[in-house]
Amino acid sequence: MRRRAPWSHELRAMRDAHRDAVRAARHAHRMEQLERRREHRRWRGPSPAGIAVFLALVQVFGTRAAAYGSTGPHALDQTAYLLLVAGPAALVLRDKLPLFSLFGALVPTVAYFSLDYPDGPGFIAAIVAMFTALAAGFRWLTWLAVATAYTVFVILAPPGYSLARLIIIGVWCVLIAGFGEAARVRGVRYSQMARDRAHQEALARAEEERARKEQQRRQASDERLLIARELHDVIGHHLSLINVQAGVGLHLMDEQPEQARTALAAIKHASAEALKETRAVLAGLNPGEAAPRTPAPGLGDVDRLVAEARGAGLPVTVETVGTPASLPPQVDRAAYRIVQEALTNVRRHAGPDAMATVVIAYGPAEVSILVSDNGTGPARADEGKADGVRAGAGNGIAGMRHRAAAFGGTVEARPRDDGGFEVHARIPLREEQTT
């Protein structure tokens, strides 16, 4: 049974992570909508009409109980009942029009007590309206309305009210207004705390969204870089083979047509391999397409690389040091690509008479790859550079270094003291990676 290419697993993992992030965002949005619906349906206390009816009953029956047995010209009559009901009725509009509700409650209250009707809880509606107006932010208008209502009451007070009683009533008005002011300050403080908490939550959500988008951007960038490296290695290797075999075919076409036929067959094979690997790389760009089933290239396929290099006229010797171990697919693929790119560079730059040696060393802590040649190509003209002309001619050595660095490894590319060039890669292994 064939295994999936490891880079396809990486692309699939990136797509899965993106899909999970989208699902999480949708789930959070749905939960937020459900919470809003619950908040909308949550009981927020009695309605203003219910409060008005309740206070009207309290004021009417409470005053009747307080005036039980009283007779005379100041007993409860139809006008008294209307005044006791008018104050609570004004509270129906206390949420939308708090000032209107305040004046609508103060006027019948002042009128009731100025007409010398029996004492009772006929002032409760005025207190509720005053608290509502203060909580709504109408501080000075509320204090002015209370002061005006008290002044009118003092002017219209019945003859039976003494100065001491009027002063006590004034003190109570100030105390009740003070309690309302304290409640307003406390409500403002709680509202500010709620706004700050909502602002912090909004900032946290915005930060999470920014981090999610940044993660998606990094994933997309890593995916593009991975595909670019794969395409560079695949196309560069096979085009190098095609170029060499095409040159051989042109040279031998007239004198040795059979050898030219062999070169053309090698070109056909290399181009077919290039197309197959390119399609496998680009298949990961389509999320709806199944992952490729072709086996992932690894160090076990080095013999195929060597056969292609020999077919292109480059003698290659392969040596294995240590016991070959089963490497993780990503590490195995990176090591294979390093060997592939190094041999491609030898064909390009080492000259026609060069020979290459590939040494693969398996150790308990790392896998080491050494690709060396004895070429006399243009890279030998500049011994002062660390990587010679080979490093500056393209992205091959930089790509090898990136592949090794992804696993904590290193790649050294330098001219040899005795002539030629070498690429030495080391990739560390964790204990759980080897079997």
Protein backbone atom coordinates (compact mmCIF):
# COMPACT_ATOMS: atom_id res chain seq x y z
CA MET A 1 0.00 0.00 0.00
CA ARG A 2 1.40 3.34 -1.03
CA ARG A 3 1.81 6.17 1.44
CA ARG A 4 0.89 9.81 1.01
CA ALA A 5 3.55 12.42 0.29
CA PRO A 6 4.53 14.11 3.57
CA TRP A 7 4.32 17.59 2.12
CA SER A 8 0.71 16.81 1.18
CA HIS A 9 0.10 16.01 4.85
CA GLU A 10 1.48 19.45 5.74
CA LEU A 11 -0.79 21.16 3.20
CA ARG A 12 -3.75 19.14 4.42
CA ALA A 13 -2.91 20.09 8.02
CA MET A 14 -2.81 23.77 7.03
CA ARG A 15 -6.19 23.48 5.30
CA ASP A 16 -7.64 21.63 8.31
CA ALA A 17 -6.35 24.34 10.66
CA HIS A 18 -7.91 27.04 8.48
CA ARG A 19 -11.20 25.14 8.31
CA ASP A 20 -11.21 24.65 12.09
CA ALA A 21 -10.60 28.36 12.61
CA VAL A 22 -13.53 29.23 10.32
CA ARG A 23 -15.77 26.75 12.13
CA ALA A 24 -14.74 28.17 15.50
CA ALA A 25 -15.55 31.71 14.32
CA ARG A 26 -18.95 30.61 13.05
CA HIS A 27 -19.66 28.76 16.29
CA ALA A 28 -18.71 31.83 18.33
CA HIS A 29 -20.99 33.97 16.16
CA ARG A 30 -23.91 31.57 16.65
CA MET A 31 -23.32 31.45 20.41
CA GLU A 32 -23.26 35.25 20.52
CA GLN A 33 -26.59 35.40 18.66
CA LEU A 34 -28.12 32.85 21.05
CA GLU A 35 -26.87 34.86 24.03
CA ARG A 36 -28.42 38.01 22.61
CA ARG A 37 -31.72 36.21 22.18
CA ARG A 38 -31.59 34.93 25.74
CA GLU A 39 -30.74 38.42 26.96
CA HIS A 40 -33.66 39.82 24.99
CA ARG A 41 -36.06 37.21 26.39
CA ARG A 42 -34.74 37.50 29.94
CA TRP A 43 -37.22 39.01 32.38
CA ARG A 44 -36.08 42.52 33.26
CA GLY A 45 -38.58 43.19 36.00
CA PRO A 46 -42.09 44.58 35.94
CA SER A 47 -43.18 46.88 33.16
CA PRO A 48 -43.80 50.61 33.81
CA ALA A 49 -47.54 50.01 33.50
CA GLY A 50 -47.38 47.25 36.10
CA ILE A 51 -45.42 49.49 38.48
CA ALA A 52 -47.97 52.28 37.93
CA VAL A 53 -50.90 50.01 38.74
CA PHE A 54 -49.15 48.59 41.81
CA LEU A 55 -48.28 52.04 43.21
CA ALA A 56 -51.79 53.30 42.50
CA LEU A 57 -53.21 50.43 44.57
CA VAL A 58 -50.68 51.09 47.35
CA GLN A 59 -51.43 54.79 47.47
CA VAL A 60 -55.24 54.34 47.33
CA PHE A 61 -55.61 51.48 49.79
CA GLY A 62 -52.74 52.66 52.01
CA THR A 63 -54.34 56.10 52.32
CA ARG A 64 -57.76 54.57 52.97
CA ALA A 65 -56.26 52.45 55.73
CA ALA A 66 -54.53 55.49 57.23
CA ALA A 67 -57.75 57.54 57.01
CA TYR A 68 -59.99 54.78 58.34
CA GLY A 69 -62.72 56.23 60.50
CA SER A 70 -61.98 59.86 59.64
CA THR A 71 -64.92 62.10 58.68
CA GLY A 72 -65.47 65.71 57.90
CA PRO A 73 -64.86 68.01 55.00
CA HIS A 74 -61.33 66.63 54.43
CA ALA A 75 -62.28 62.98 54.12
CA LEU A 76 -61.38 61.06 50.97
CA ASP A 77 -63.63 61.93 48.05
CA GLN A 78 -63.61 61.49 44.31
CA THR A 79 -61.04 64.29 43.79
CA ALA A 80 -58.71 62.69 46.36
CA TYR A 81 -58.88 59.34 44.61
CA LEU A 82 -58.19 60.96 41.24
CA LEU A 83 -55.11 62.72 42.67
CA LEU A 84 -53.87 59.48 44.26
CA VAL A 85 -54.19 57.66 40.94
CA ALA A 86 -52.87 60.51 38.76
CA GLY A 87 -49.37 60.38 40.28
CA PRO A 88 -48.78 56.66 39.60
CA ALA A 89 -50.36 57.01 36.15
CA ALA A 90 -47.63 59.46 35.18
CA LEU A 91 -45.05 56.72 35.86
CA VAL A 92 -46.13 54.84 32.74
CA LEU A 93 -43.88 57.20 30.75
CA ARG A 94 -40.99 57.28 33.22
CA ASP A 95 -38.62 55.31 30.94
CA LYS A 96 -39.22 57.37 27.79
CA LEU A 97 -40.08 60.78 29.33
CA PRO A 98 -38.62 60.91 32.86
CA LEU A 99 -39.08 64.68 33.28
CA PHE A 100 -42.72 64.54 32.19
CA SER A 101 -43.24 61.65 34.58
CA LEU A 102 -41.60 63.68 37.38
CA PHE A 103 -43.84 66.73 36.86
CA GLY A 104 -46.88 64.48 36.37
CA ALA A 105 -46.22 62.84 39.75
CA LEU A 106 -45.26 66.00 41.72
CA VAL A 107 -48.27 68.10 40.71
CA PRO A 108 -51.03 65.74 41.98
CA THR A 109 -48.96 64.94 45.07
CA VAL A 110 -48.60 68.63 46.00
CA ALA A 111 -52.27 69.20 45.17
CA TYR A 112 -53.38 66.26 47.32
CA PHE A 113 -51.53 67.36 50.45
CA SER A 114 -52.28 71.08 49.89
CA LEU A 115 -56.01 70.31 49.97
CA ASP A 116 -55.58 68.90 53.47
CA TYR A 117 -56.66 65.36 52.63
CA PRO A 118 -55.76 62.59 55.11
CA ASP A 119 -52.10 61.67 55.38
CA GLY A 120 -50.90 58.42 53.84
CA PRO A 121 -48.48 56.95 51.30
CA GLY A 122 -49.66 59.33 48.60
CA PHE A 123 -46.12 60.57 47.92
CA ILE A 124 -44.57 57.25 46.81
CA ALA A 125 -45.15 57.91 43.10
CA ALA A 126 -43.34 61.26 43.41
CA ILE A 127 -40.32 59.56 45.04
CA VAL A 128 -40.12 56.92 42.27
CA ALA A 129 -40.37 59.60 39.57
CA MET A 130 -37.63 61.64 41.28
CA PHE A 131 -35.28 58.63 41.42
CA THR A 132 -35.99 57.90 37.75
CA ALA A 133 -35.25 61.48 36.64
CA LEU A 134 -31.98 61.53 38.61
CA ALA A 135 -30.89 58.19 37.19
CA ALA A 136 -31.63 59.53 33.69
CA GLY A 137 -29.13 62.36 34.26
CA PHE A 138 -31.52 65.29 34.82
CA ARG A 139 -29.86 66.34 38.05
CA TRP A 140 -30.43 70.09 38.21
CA LEU A 141 -33.90 69.95 36.67
CA THR A 142 -34.89 67.31 39.22
CA TRP A 143 -33.59 69.37 42.14
CA LEU A 144 -35.31 72.47 40.69
CA ALA A 145 -38.59 70.59 40.28
CA VAL A 146 -38.45 69.28 43.87
CA ALA A 147 -37.59 72.73 45.23
CA THR A 148 -40.43 74.30 43.23
CA ALA A 149 -42.92 71.66 44.37
CA TYR A 150 -41.88 72.16 48.01
CA THR A 151 -42.16 75.96 47.68
CA VAL A 152 -45.64 75.68 46.18
CA PHE A 153 -46.64 73.30 48.95
CA VAL A 154 -45.38 75.72 51.63
CA ILE A 155 -47.36 78.54 50.03
CA LEU A 156 -50.53 76.44 49.70
CA ALA A 157 -50.10 74.47 52.92
CA PRO A 158 -53.27 74.06 55.01
CA PRO A 159 -53.56 76.19 58.19
CA GLY A 160 -53.06 73.14 60.37
CA TYR A 161 -49.42 72.67 59.22
CA SER A 162 -46.92 74.16 61.67
CA LEU A 163 -43.52 75.59 60.74
CA ALA A 164 -41.75 72.63 62.35
CA ARG A 165 -43.78 70.20 60.26
CA LEU A 166 -42.99 72.10 57.08
CA ILE A 167 -39.29 72.05 57.95
CA ILE A 168 -39.41 68.32 58.60
CA ILE A 169 -41.10 67.78 55.24
CA GLY A 170 -38.36 69.88 53.56
CA VAL A 171 -35.64 67.87 55.30
CA TRP A 172 -37.24 64.67 54.11
CA CYS A 173 -37.39 66.01 50.56
CA VAL A 174 -33.67 66.82 50.69
CA LEU A 175 -32.81 63.42 52.16
CA ILE A 176 -34.84 61.54 49.58
CA ALA A 177 -33.29 63.59 46.77
CA GLY A 178 -29.86 62.88 48.27
CA PHE A 179 -30.55 59.14 48.27
CA GLY A 180 -31.60 59.45 44.65
CA GLU A 181 -28.38 61.30 43.86
CA ALA A 182 -26.32 58.57 45.54
CA ALA A 183 -28.19 55.92 43.58
CA ARG A 184 -27.50 57.86 40.38
CA VAL A 185 -23.76 58.05 41.14
CA ARG A 186 -23.68 54.34 41.89
CA GLY A 187 -25.54 53.59 38.68
CA VAL A 188 -23.14 55.75 36.69
CA ARG A 189 -20.19 53.93 38.25
CA TYR A 190 -21.66 50.54 37.40
CA SER A 191 -22.49 51.70 33.88
CA GLN A 192 -18.91 52.89 33.41
CA MET A 193 -17.61 49.57 34.68
CA ALA A 194 -19.93 47.74 32.29
CA ARG A 195 -18.76 49.91 29.38
CA ASP A 196 -15.12 49.33 30.33
CA ARG A 197 -15.74 45.59 30.53
CA ALA A 198 -17.51 45.61 27.17
CA HIS A 199 -14.67 47.66 25.70
CA GLN A 200 -12.08 45.22 27.03
CA GLU A 201 -14.06 42.29 25.65
CA ALA A 202 -14.28 44.02 22.28
CA LEU A 203 -10.53 44.63 22.33
CA ALA A 204 -9.91 41.00 23.26
CA ARG A 205 -12.15 39.81 20.41
CA ALA A 206 -10.40 42.16 18.00
CA GLU A 207 -7.01 40.87 19.17
CA GLU A 208 -8.15 37.27 18.76
CA GLU A 209 -9.43 38.06 15.27
CA ARG A 210 -6.16 39.79 14.38
CA ALA A 211 -4.16 36.82 15.72
CA ARG A 212 -6.37 34.41 13.75
CA LYS A 213 -5.88 36.36 10.53
CA GLU A 214 -2.15 36.61 11.19
CA GLN A 215 -2.01 32.84 11.72
CA GLN A 216 -3.90 32.27 8.47
CA ARG A 217 -1.53 34.65 6.68
CA ARG A 218 1.51 32.81 8.06
CA GLN A 219 0.01 29.47 7.09
CA ALA A 220 -0.63 30.71 3.56
CA SER A 221 2.92 32.10 3.38
CA ASP A 222 4.40 28.82 4.63
CA GLU A 223 2.31 26.92 2.11
CA ARG A 224 3.50 29.10 -0.77
CA LEU A 225 7.11 28.76 0.37
CA LEU A 226 6.78 24.98 0.64
CA ILE A 227 5.31 24.72 -2.85
CA ALA A 228 7.96 27.06 -4.27
CA ARG A 229 10.77 24.94 -2.83
CA GLU A 230 9.22 21.74 -4.13
CA LEU A 231 8.79 23.19 -7.60
CA HIS A 232 12.33 24.58 -7.57
CA ASP A 233 13.82 21.21 -6.71
CA VAL A 234 11.64 19.19 -9.08
CA ILE A 235 11.88 21.49 -12.08
CA GLY A 236 15.55 22.35 -11.58
CA HIS A 237 16.60 18.70 -11.29
CA HIS A 238 14.66 17.40 -14.26
CA LEU A 239 15.41 20.36 -16.51
CA SER A 240 19.07 19.87 -15.77
CA LEU A 241 18.79 16.24 -16.87
CA ILE A 242 16.86 17.25 -19.98
CA ASN A 243 19.43 19.91 -20.84
CA VAL A 244 22.33 17.45 -20.54
CA GLN A 245 20.59 14.71 -22.52
CA ALA A 246 19.47 17.17 -25.19
CA GLY A 247 23.08 18.30 -25.64
CA VAL A 248 24.20 14.68 -25.95
CA GLY A 249 21.46 13.94 -28.47
CA LEU A 250 22.36 16.91 -30.64
CA HIS A 251 26.01 15.96 -30.58
CA LEU A 252 25.41 12.33 -31.55
CA MET A 253 22.42 12.71 -33.84
CA ASP A 254 24.40 12.45 -37.08
CA GLU A 255 27.26 10.16 -36.09
CA GLN A 256 25.61 7.80 -33.56
CA PRO A 257 21.83 7.91 -34.00
CA GLU A 258 21.31 4.95 -31.63
CA GLN A 259 23.00 6.84 -28.81
CA ALA A 260 20.89 9.87 -29.70
CA ARG A 261 17.80 7.69 -29.41
CA THR A 262 18.91 6.72 -25.90
CA ALA A 263 19.32 10.39 -25.00
CA LEU A 264 15.85 11.19 -26.32
CA ALA A 265 14.39 8.31 -24.30
CA ALA A 266 16.08 9.74 -21.20
CA ILE A 267 14.61 13.16 -22.00
CA LYS A 268 11.15 11.62 -22.33
CA HIS A 269 11.52 9.82 -18.99
CA ALA A 270 12.82 12.94 -17.20
CA SER A 271 10.05 15.14 -18.60
CA ALA A 272 7.39 12.57 -17.60
CA GLU A 273 8.82 12.43 -14.06
CA ALA A 274 8.90 16.23 -13.94
CA LEU A 275 5.25 16.48 -15.00
CA LYS A 276 4.18 13.82 -12.52
CA GLU A 277 5.94 15.45 -9.58
CA THR A 278 4.77 18.93 -10.61
CA ARG A 279 1.15 17.75 -10.76
CA ALA A 280 1.59 16.14 -7.34
CA VAL A 281 2.90 19.44 -5.88
CA LEU A 282 0.19 21.59 -7.46
CA ALA A 283 -2.56 19.17 -6.41
CA GLY A 284 -2.24 20.51 -2.88
CA LEU A 285 -3.47 23.94 -4.06
CA ASN A 286 -6.95 22.56 -4.72
CA PRO A 287 -8.72 21.89 -1.39
CA GLY A 288 -11.37 19.76 -3.10
CA GLU A 289 -8.86 17.44 -4.69
CA ALA A 290 -7.72 14.31 -2.93
CA ALA A 291 -4.17 14.14 -1.70
CA PRO A 292 -1.72 12.52 -4.15
CA ARG A 293 -1.14 8.81 -3.79
CA THR A 294 2.39 8.75 -5.16
CA PRO A 295 4.96 7.71 -2.58
CA ALA A 296 7.00 10.47 -1.03
CA PRO A 297 10.61 10.63 -2.22
CA GLY A 298 13.17 9.80 0.45
CA LEU A 299 16.70 8.57 0.95
CA GLY A 300 15.52 5.17 -0.21
CA ASP A 301 15.14 6.70 -3.70
CA VAL A 302 18.72 7.94 -3.89
CA ASP A 303 19.60 5.04 -6.21
CA ARG A 304 17.14 6.41 -8.75
CA LEU A 305 18.80 9.82 -8.52
CA VAL A 306 22.19 8.24 -8.99
CA ALA A 307 20.95 6.28 -12.03
CA GLU A 308 19.61 9.47 -13.61
CA ALA A 309 22.89 11.28 -12.92
CA ARG A 310 24.90 8.44 -14.42
CA GLY A 311 22.62 8.42 -17.43
CA ALA A 312 23.41 12.11 -17.88
CA GLY A 313 27.13 11.33 -17.90
CA LEU A 314 27.99 12.09 -14.27
CA PRO A 315 29.76 9.24 -12.44
CA VAL A 316 28.35 9.03 -8.91
CA THR A 317 29.44 6.86 -6.01
CA VAL A 318 27.14 6.27 -3.04
CA GLU A 319 28.36 5.28 0.42
CA THR A 320 26.27 4.51 3.47
CA VAL A 321 27.72 4.82 6.95
CA GLY A 322 25.90 3.28 9.88
CA THR A 323 22.66 1.34 9.91
CA PRO A 324 19.93 2.94 7.77
CA ALA A 325 17.09 4.06 10.01
CA SER A 326 13.47 4.79 9.23
CA LEU A 327 13.24 8.58 9.29
CA PRO A 328 10.13 10.76 9.67
CA PRO A 329 8.60 11.48 6.24
CA GLN A 330 9.38 15.21 6.43
CA VAL A 331 13.02 14.62 7.38
CA ASP A 332 13.38 11.86 4.79
CA ARG A 333 11.98 14.11 2.06
CA ALA A 334 14.22 17.05 3.08
CA ALA A 335 17.31 14.82 2.98
CA TYR A 336 16.34 13.49 -0.44
CA ARG A 337 15.83 17.00 -1.81
CA ILE A 338 19.24 18.07 -0.48
CA VAL A 339 20.93 15.17 -2.31
CA GLN A 340 18.91 15.95 -5.43
CA GLU A 341 19.81 19.65 -5.43
CA ALA A 342 23.47 18.95 -4.68
CA LEU A 343 23.76 16.53 -7.62
CA THR A 344 21.97 19.04 -9.85
CA ASN A 345 24.55 21.67 -8.89
CA VAL A 346 27.37 19.22 -9.69
CA ARG A 347 25.97 18.65 -13.19
CA ARG A 348 25.60 22.38 -13.74
CA HIS A 349 28.86 23.71 -12.37
CA ALA A 350 31.49 20.99 -11.86
CA GLY A 351 32.49 20.54 -15.49
CA PRO A 352 32.28 17.64 -17.95
CA ASP A 353 34.92 15.41 -16.33
CA ALA A 354 33.75 15.68 -12.73
CA MET A 355 32.90 12.77 -10.47
CA ALA A 356 30.58 12.96 -7.46
CA THR A 357 30.43 11.08 -4.19
CA VAL A 358 27.36 10.86 -1.94
CA VAL A 359 27.95 9.78 1.67
CA ILE A 360 24.87 9.21 3.86
CA ALA A 361 25.71 8.67 7.53
CA TYR A 362 23.08 7.51 10.02
CA GLY A 363 23.87 8.33 13.63
CA PRO A 364 21.95 8.06 16.88
CA ALA A 365 21.44 11.83 17.06
CA GLU A 366 21.56 12.99 13.44
CA VAL A 367 21.61 12.04 9.80
CA SER A 368 24.51 13.46 7.81
CA ILE A 369 24.74 13.94 4.05
CA LEU A 370 27.96 14.78 2.22
CA VAL A 371 27.91 15.38 -1.53
CA SER A 372 31.33 16.19 -2.97
CA ASP A 373 32.89 16.39 -6.40
CA ASN A 374 36.30 16.91 -7.97
CA GLY A 375 35.07 19.30 -10.63
CA THR A 376 36.99 22.20 -12.10
CA GLY A 377 34.04 24.35 -13.11
CA PRO A 378 33.71 28.13 -12.70
CA ALA A 379 33.24 27.84 -8.95
CA ARG A 380 36.96 27.02 -8.60
CA ALA A 381 37.91 30.44 -9.95
CA ASP A 382 36.76 32.12 -6.79
CA GLU A 383 38.23 30.34 -3.80
CA GLY A 384 37.58 33.33 -1.53
CA LYS A 385 33.85 32.94 -1.42
CA ALA A 386 32.33 30.63 1.13
CA ASP A 387 29.95 29.13 -1.42
CA GLY A 388 31.72 30.08 -4.66
CA VAL A 389 29.75 31.01 -7.74
CA ARG A 390 27.38 28.16 -7.04
CA ALA A 391 25.87 29.95 -4.08
CA GLY A 392 25.25 33.15 -5.96
CA ALA A 393 23.91 31.57 -9.14
CA GLY A 394 20.50 30.65 -7.78
CA ASN A 395 18.45 29.53 -4.81
CA GLY A 396 19.69 25.95 -4.60
CA ILE A 397 22.01 26.25 -1.61
CA ALA A 398 19.68 28.68 0.16
CA GLY A 399 16.83 26.20 -0.34
CA MET A 400 18.92 23.36 1.09
CA ARG A 401 19.74 25.47 4.14
CA HIS A 402 16.07 26.33 4.66
CA ARG A 403 15.10 22.67 4.47
CA ALA A 404 17.70 21.64 7.04
CA ALA A 405 16.98 24.65 9.30
CA ALA A 406 13.30 23.63 9.46
CA PHE A 407 14.43 20.65 11.58
CA GLY A 408 17.23 22.43 13.45
CA GLY A 409 19.93 21.32 11.02
CA THR A 410 22.66 23.06 9.06
CA VAL A 411 24.09 22.99 5.54
CA GLU A 412 27.68 23.95 4.71
CA ALA A 413 28.63 24.51 1.07
CA ARG A 414 32.26 25.35 0.27
CA PRO A 415 35.14 24.63 -2.12
CA ARG A 416 37.40 21.76 -1.10
CA ASP A 417 41.05 22.33 -0.33
CA ASP A 418 42.16 19.68 -2.83
CA GLY A 419 39.85 20.92 -5.59
CA GLY A 420 36.18 20.42 -6.21
CA PHE A 421 33.18 21.38 -4.11
CA GLU A 422 31.21 19.84 -1.29
CA VAL A 423 27.83 20.21 0.41
CA HIS A 424 27.62 18.90 3.97
CA ALA A 425 24.19 18.73 5.61
CA ARG A 426 23.39 17.69 9.18
CA ILE A 427 19.83 17.11 10.37
CA PRO A 428 19.36 16.29 14.07
CA LEU A 429 17.03 13.50 15.14
CA ARG A 430 15.03 13.09 18.31
CA GLU A 431 14.87 9.69 19.93
CA GLU A 432 11.22 9.23 19.08
CA GLN A 433 11.91 9.98 15.40
CA THR A 434 14.06 6.92 14.76
CA THR A 435 12.88 3.37 14.84
